[in-house]
Amino acid sequence: MDLGPHATFIIASYAIFTLVLASLTAWLMYDGARQKRLLEGLQAKGARRRPRSGETESTQ
């Protein structure tokens, strides 16, 4: 595969893209787990979710 005179730029671009994509994926997984732990902590303390607009407490 001949990428021509811009091979270094092309390979570096793909490498940076892969690094950014992997970083974002890892951050989303970490943050999702953190949010889940925070929500479980709130629920353990007895916090309840507010009803959406138009809903009553009994329809949840």
C-alpha atoms as a PDB file:
ATOM      1  CA  MET A   1       0.000   0.000   0.000  1.00  0.00           C
ATOM      2  CA  ASP A   2       1.599   3.227  -1.152  1.00  0.00           C
ATOM      3  CA  LEU A   3       0.353   6.320   0.654  1.00  0.00           C
ATOM      4  CA  GLY A   4       2.702   8.611  -1.197  1.00  0.00           C
ATOM      5  CA  PRO A   5       4.527  11.586   0.250  1.00  0.00           C
ATOM      6  CA  HIS A   6       1.826  12.186   2.865  1.00  0.00           C
ATOM      7  CA  ALA A   7       2.119   8.767   4.522  1.00  0.00           C
ATOM      8  CA  THR A   8       3.386  10.179   7.810  1.00  0.00           C
ATOM      9  CA  PHE A   9       0.464  12.601   8.054  1.00  0.00           C
ATOM     10  CA  ILE A  10      -2.087   9.912   7.168  1.00  0.00           C
ATOM     11  CA  ILE A  11      -0.728   7.404   9.682  1.00  0.00           C
ATOM     12  CA  ALA A  12      -0.461  10.051  12.404  1.00  0.00           C
ATOM     13  CA  SER A  13      -4.050  11.156  11.721  1.00  0.00           C
ATOM     14  CA  TYR A  14      -5.363   7.617  12.088  1.00  0.00           C
ATOM     15  CA  ALA A  15      -3.301   7.072  15.236  1.00  0.00           C
ATOM     16  CA  ILE A  16      -4.583  10.285  16.837  1.00  0.00           C
ATOM     17  CA  PHE A  17      -8.167   9.452  15.857  1.00  0.00           C
ATOM     18  CA  THR A  18      -7.841   5.986  17.388  1.00  0.00           C
ATOM     19  CA  LEU A  19      -6.360   7.428  20.583  1.00  0.00           C
ATOM     20  CA  VAL A  20      -9.134  10.026  20.890  1.00  0.00           C
ATOM     21  CA  LEU A  21     -11.850   7.445  20.215  1.00  0.00           C
ATOM     22  CA  ALA A  22     -10.400   5.031  22.784  1.00  0.00           C
ATOM     23  CA  SER A  23     -10.079   7.843  25.330  1.00  0.00           C
ATOM     24  CA  LEU A  24     -13.682   8.936  24.855  1.00  0.00           C
ATOM     25  CA  THR A  25     -14.914   5.354  25.124  1.00  0.00           C
ATOM     26  CA  ALA A  26     -12.947   4.787  28.330  1.00  0.00           C
ATOM     27  CA  TRP A  27     -14.172   8.079  29.804  1.00  0.00           C
ATOM     28  CA  LEU A  28     -17.810   7.246  28.985  1.00  0.00           C
ATOM     29  CA  MET A  29     -17.489   3.833  30.630  1.00  0.00           C
ATOM     30  CA  TYR A  30     -15.847   5.353  33.721  1.00  0.00           C
ATOM     31  CA  ASP A  31     -18.384   8.179  33.982  1.00  0.00           C
ATOM     32  CA  GLY A  32     -21.322   5.814  33.487  1.00  0.00           C
ATOM     33  CA  ALA A  33     -20.100   3.620  36.337  1.00  0.00           C
ATOM     34  CA  ARG A  34     -19.517   6.697  38.510  1.00  0.00           C
ATOM     35  CA  GLN A  35     -23.013   8.033  37.819  1.00  0.00           C
ATOM     36  CA  LYS A  36     -24.497   4.634  38.624  1.00  0.00           C
ATOM     37  CA  ARG A  37     -22.640   4.562  41.971  1.00  0.00           C
ATOM     38  CA  LEU A  38     -23.824   8.086  42.788  1.00  0.00           C
ATOM     39  CA  LEU A  39     -27.416   7.198  41.950  1.00  0.00           C
ATOM     40  CA  GLU A  40     -27.256   4.038  44.063  1.00  0.00           C
ATOM     41  CA  GLY A  41     -25.863   6.111  46.936  1.00  0.00           C
ATOM     42  CA  LEU A  42     -28.737   8.565  46.673  1.00  0.00           C
ATOM     43  CA  GLN A  43     -31.281   5.770  46.533  1.00  0.00           C
ATOM     44  CA  ALA A  44     -29.714   4.151  49.597  1.00  0.00           C
ATOM     45  CA  LYS A  45     -30.171   7.438  51.472  1.00  0.00           C
ATOM     46  CA  GLY A  46     -33.851   7.416  50.551  1.00  0.00           C
ATOM     47  CA  ALA A  47     -33.820  10.058  47.826  1.00  0.00           C
ATOM     48  CA  ARG A  48     -36.678   9.714  45.381  1.00  0.00           C
ATOM     49  CA  ARG A  49     -37.041  10.887  41.837  1.00  0.00           C
ATOM     50  CA  ARG A  50     -39.398  13.728  41.131  1.00  0.00           C
ATOM     51  CA  PRO A  51     -42.296  12.971  38.797  1.00  0.00           C
ATOM     52  CA  ARG A  52     -42.077  14.325  35.276  1.00  0.00           C
ATOM     53  CA  SER A  53     -44.272  17.284  34.459  1.00  0.00           C
ATOM     54  CA  GLY A  54     -47.858  16.118  34.137  1.00  0.00           C
ATOM     55  CA  GLU A  55     -47.326  12.959  36.186  1.00  0.00           C
ATOM     56  CA  THR A  56     -48.442  12.370  39.720  1.00  0.00           C
ATOM     57  CA  GLU A  57     -46.650  10.430  42.430  1.00  0.00           C
ATOM     58  CA  SER A  58     -49.016   7.463  42.014  1.00  0.00           C
ATOM     59  CA  THR A  59     -48.287   6.970  38.294  1.00  0.00           C
ATOM     60  CA  GLN A  60     -44.576   6.313  38.721  1.00  0.00           C
END
